[in-house]
């Protein structure tokens, strides 16, 4: 399912990843239990980083879906 909200907008690394792999923000909300506003903020280009508990939930969901990702792929030093 494509996240059409991301088309034409600047995105964070996480936002770009979700768009590239046709993963909707709503799917991440559903599978992680995190709020829609948190996931939305994490997909915007601002320097917003999740706390470790939230980051682990996101990474776990993506890894369970077969993606080999970790915290540094989306957040931290550039």
N, C-alpha and C. Protein backbone atom coordinates (compact mmCIF):
# COMPACT_ATOMS: atom_id res chain seq x y z
N UNK A 1 0.85 -1.18 0.00
CA UNK A 1 0.00 0.00 0.00
C UNK A 1 0.89 1.24 0.00
N UNK A 2 0.66 2.11 -0.96
CA UNK A 2 1.49 3.31 -1.07
C UNK A 2 1.02 4.40 -0.12
N UNK A 3 1.99 5.13 0.41
CA UNK A 3 1.70 6.28 1.27
C UNK A 3 1.73 7.51 0.38
N UNK A 4 0.60 7.87 -0.18
CA UNK A 4 0.53 8.99 -1.12
C UNK A 4 0.79 10.32 -0.47
N UNK A 5 0.72 10.39 0.85
CA UNK A 5 0.98 11.65 1.55
C UNK A 5 2.42 12.10 1.39
N UNK A 6 3.32 11.20 1.05
CA UNK A 6 4.72 11.55 0.96
C UNK A 6 5.14 12.07 -0.40
N UNK A 7 4.29 11.93 -1.41
CA UNK A 7 4.68 12.32 -2.75
C UNK A 7 4.84 13.83 -2.85
N UNK A 8 5.99 14.25 -3.36
CA UNK A 8 6.24 15.66 -3.55
C UNK A 8 6.70 16.41 -2.32
N UNK A 9 6.84 15.74 -1.21
CA UNK A 9 7.26 16.40 0.03
C UNK A 9 8.67 15.96 0.38
N UNK A 10 9.37 16.84 1.08
CA UNK A 10 10.68 16.47 1.62
C UNK A 10 10.45 15.45 2.72
N UNK A 11 11.31 14.46 2.80
CA UNK A 11 11.11 13.37 3.75
C UNK A 11 12.40 13.08 4.50
N UNK A 12 12.25 12.52 5.69
CA UNK A 12 13.39 12.03 6.46
C UNK A 12 13.85 10.71 5.84
N UNK A 13 14.93 10.16 6.36
CA UNK A 13 15.38 8.85 5.88
C UNK A 13 14.31 7.79 6.07
N UNK A 14 13.64 7.83 7.22
CA UNK A 14 12.56 6.87 7.46
C UNK A 14 11.42 7.09 6.46
N UNK A 15 11.03 8.34 6.26
CA UNK A 15 9.96 8.65 5.32
C UNK A 15 10.29 8.18 3.91
N UNK A 16 11.51 8.41 3.47
CA UNK A 16 11.95 7.96 2.14
C UNK A 16 11.92 6.44 2.04
N UNK A 17 12.36 5.77 3.11
CA UNK A 17 12.37 4.31 3.14
C UNK A 17 10.94 3.77 3.01
N UNK A 18 10.03 4.33 3.79
CA UNK A 18 8.64 3.87 3.73
C UNK A 18 8.06 4.09 2.33
N UNK A 19 8.31 5.25 1.74
CA UNK A 19 7.82 5.52 0.39
C UNK A 19 8.41 4.54 -0.62
N UNK A 20 9.72 4.34 -0.55
CA UNK A 20 10.42 3.45 -1.48
C UNK A 20 9.86 2.04 -1.45
N UNK A 21 9.48 1.59 -0.26
CA UNK A 21 9.00 0.21 -0.10
C UNK A 21 7.47 0.13 -0.01
N UNK A 22 6.80 1.21 -0.36
CA UNK A 22 5.33 1.26 -0.38
C UNK A 22 4.71 0.83 0.95
N UNK A 23 5.30 1.32 2.04
CA UNK A 23 4.78 1.04 3.38
C UNK A 23 4.09 2.32 3.86
N UNK A 24 2.84 2.20 4.24
CA UNK A 24 2.12 3.39 4.69
C UNK A 24 2.45 3.72 6.14
N UNK A 25 2.36 4.99 6.45
CA UNK A 25 2.54 5.40 7.84
C UNK A 25 1.50 4.72 8.72
N UNK A 26 0.29 4.58 8.21
CA UNK A 26 -0.78 3.95 8.99
C UNK A 26 -0.42 2.50 9.34
N UNK A 27 0.24 1.80 8.44
CA UNK A 27 0.66 0.42 8.71
C UNK A 27 1.67 0.39 9.86
N UNK A 28 2.59 1.34 9.87
CA UNK A 28 3.57 1.42 10.96
C UNK A 28 2.87 1.76 12.27
N UNK A 29 1.91 2.68 12.23
CA UNK A 29 1.13 3.03 13.42
C UNK A 29 0.45 1.78 13.96
N UNK A 30 -0.21 1.04 13.08
CA UNK A 30 -0.96 -0.15 13.47
C UNK A 30 -0.05 -1.22 14.09
N UNK A 31 1.09 -1.46 13.47
CA UNK A 31 1.96 -2.55 13.92
C UNK A 31 2.82 -2.20 15.13
N UNK A 32 3.11 -0.91 15.33
CA UNK A 32 3.95 -0.51 16.46
C UNK A 32 3.15 -0.07 17.67
N UNK A 33 1.93 0.41 17.44
CA UNK A 33 1.15 0.97 18.53
C UNK A 33 1.54 2.41 18.86
N UNK A 34 2.43 2.99 18.06
CA UNK A 34 2.83 4.38 18.25
C UNK A 34 1.75 5.30 17.66
N UNK A 35 1.75 6.54 18.09
CA UNK A 35 0.73 7.47 17.61
C UNK A 35 0.99 7.90 16.16
N UNK A 36 -0.09 8.28 15.50
CA UNK A 36 0.00 8.78 14.13
C UNK A 36 0.90 10.01 14.07
N UNK A 37 0.78 10.89 15.07
CA UNK A 37 1.59 12.12 15.06
C UNK A 37 3.08 11.80 15.22
N UNK A 38 3.41 10.81 16.02
CA UNK A 38 4.83 10.43 16.18
C UNK A 38 5.40 9.92 14.86
N UNK A 39 4.70 9.02 14.21
CA UNK A 39 5.18 8.48 12.93
C UNK A 39 5.26 9.59 11.89
N UNK A 40 4.27 10.46 11.86
CA UNK A 40 4.29 11.57 10.91
C UNK A 40 5.51 12.46 11.13
N UNK A 41 5.79 12.80 12.37
CA UNK A 41 6.96 13.64 12.68
C UNK A 41 8.26 12.95 12.28
N UNK A 42 8.32 11.64 12.47
CA UNK A 42 9.53 10.90 12.12
C UNK A 42 9.74 10.82 10.61
N UNK A 43 8.70 11.04 9.84
CA UNK A 43 8.81 11.00 8.38
C UNK A 43 9.09 12.37 7.77
N UNK A 44 9.06 13.40 8.58
CA UNK A 44 9.36 14.75 8.12
C UNK A 44 10.86 15.00 8.22
N UNK A 45 11.38 15.95 7.43
CA UNK A 45 12.83 16.16 7.36
C UNK A 45 13.47 16.82 8.58
N UNK A 46 12.69 17.26 9.55
CA UNK A 46 13.28 17.89 10.73
C UNK A 46 14.10 16.87 11.51
N UNK A 47 14.96 17.36 12.37
CA UNK A 47 15.84 16.51 13.16
C UNK A 47 15.14 15.96 14.40
N UNK A 48 14.06 15.25 14.21
CA UNK A 48 13.32 14.63 15.31
C UNK A 48 13.72 13.17 15.39
N UNK A 49 14.17 12.75 16.56
CA UNK A 49 14.53 11.35 16.76
C UNK A 49 13.61 10.75 17.82
N UNK A 50 13.22 9.50 17.61
CA UNK A 50 12.37 8.84 18.60
C UNK A 50 13.18 8.45 19.83
N UNK A 51 12.47 8.19 20.94
CA UNK A 51 13.19 7.62 22.07
C UNK A 51 13.54 6.17 21.70
N UNK A 52 14.41 5.56 22.46
CA UNK A 52 14.91 4.23 22.11
C UNK A 52 13.78 3.19 22.06
N UNK A 53 12.83 3.29 22.95
CA UNK A 53 11.72 2.33 22.98
C UNK A 53 10.91 2.40 21.68
N UNK A 54 10.60 3.61 21.24
CA UNK A 54 9.84 3.79 20.00
C UNK A 54 10.66 3.34 18.79
N UNK A 55 11.93 3.70 18.77
CA UNK A 55 12.80 3.30 17.66
C UNK A 55 12.87 1.78 17.55
N UNK A 56 12.99 1.11 18.69
CA UNK A 56 13.06 -0.36 18.68
C UNK A 56 11.79 -0.97 18.11
N UNK A 57 10.64 -0.38 18.42
CA UNK A 57 9.38 -0.88 17.89
C UNK A 57 9.35 -0.76 16.37
N UNK A 58 9.78 0.39 15.86
CA UNK A 58 9.78 0.61 14.41
C UNK A 58 10.75 -0.35 13.73
N UNK A 59 11.96 -0.45 14.25
CA UNK A 59 12.97 -1.34 13.67
C UNK A 59 12.49 -2.78 13.71
N UNK A 60 11.90 -3.20 14.82
CA UNK A 60 11.41 -4.58 14.95
C UNK A 60 10.35 -4.89 13.89
N UNK A 61 9.41 -3.97 13.69
CA UNK A 61 8.36 -4.18 12.69
C UNK A 61 8.97 -4.30 11.29
N UNK A 62 9.92 -3.43 10.97
CA UNK A 62 10.55 -3.49 9.65
C UNK A 62 11.37 -4.75 9.48
N UNK A 63 12.08 -5.17 10.53
CA UNK A 63 12.86 -6.41 10.46
C UNK A 63 11.95 -7.62 10.30
N UNK A 64 10.84 -7.63 11.02
CA UNK A 64 9.88 -8.75 10.90
C UNK A 64 9.29 -8.82 9.50
N UNK A 65 9.26 -7.69 8.80
CA UNK A 65 8.76 -7.65 7.43
C UNK A 65 9.86 -8.04 6.43
N UNK A 66 11.05 -8.35 6.93
CA UNK A 66 12.13 -8.83 6.07
C UNK A 66 13.18 -7.80 5.68
N UNK A 67 13.10 -6.60 6.22
CA UNK A 67 14.08 -5.57 5.90
C UNK A 67 15.24 -5.61 6.89
N UNK A 68 16.44 -5.53 6.39
CA UNK A 68 17.63 -5.52 7.24
C UNK A 68 17.99 -4.07 7.54
N UNK A 69 17.41 -3.54 8.60
CA UNK A 69 17.61 -2.14 8.98
C UNK A 69 17.98 -2.06 10.44
N UNK A 70 18.59 -0.93 10.81
CA UNK A 70 18.90 -0.66 12.21
C UNK A 70 18.75 0.84 12.48
N UNK A 71 18.93 1.23 13.72
CA UNK A 71 18.73 2.62 14.15
C UNK A 71 19.52 3.60 13.28
N UNK A 72 20.77 3.29 13.02
CA UNK A 72 21.65 4.21 12.29
C UNK A 72 21.21 4.43 10.84
N UNK A 73 20.39 3.53 10.31
CA UNK A 73 19.89 3.72 8.95
C UNK A 73 18.95 4.93 8.85
N UNK A 74 18.33 5.29 9.96
CA UNK A 74 17.33 6.35 9.95
C UNK A 74 17.67 7.55 10.82
N UNK A 75 18.38 7.32 11.91
CA UNK A 75 18.64 8.40 12.88
C UNK A 75 20.09 8.38 13.32
N UNK A 76 20.53 9.48 13.88
CA UNK A 76 21.89 9.56 14.40
C UNK A 76 22.77 10.43 13.52
N UNK A 77 24.04 10.28 13.68
CA UNK A 77 25.02 11.10 12.97
C UNK A 77 24.95 10.84 11.48
N UNK A 78 24.99 11.92 10.72
CA UNK A 78 24.96 11.81 9.25
C UNK A 78 26.36 11.76 8.70
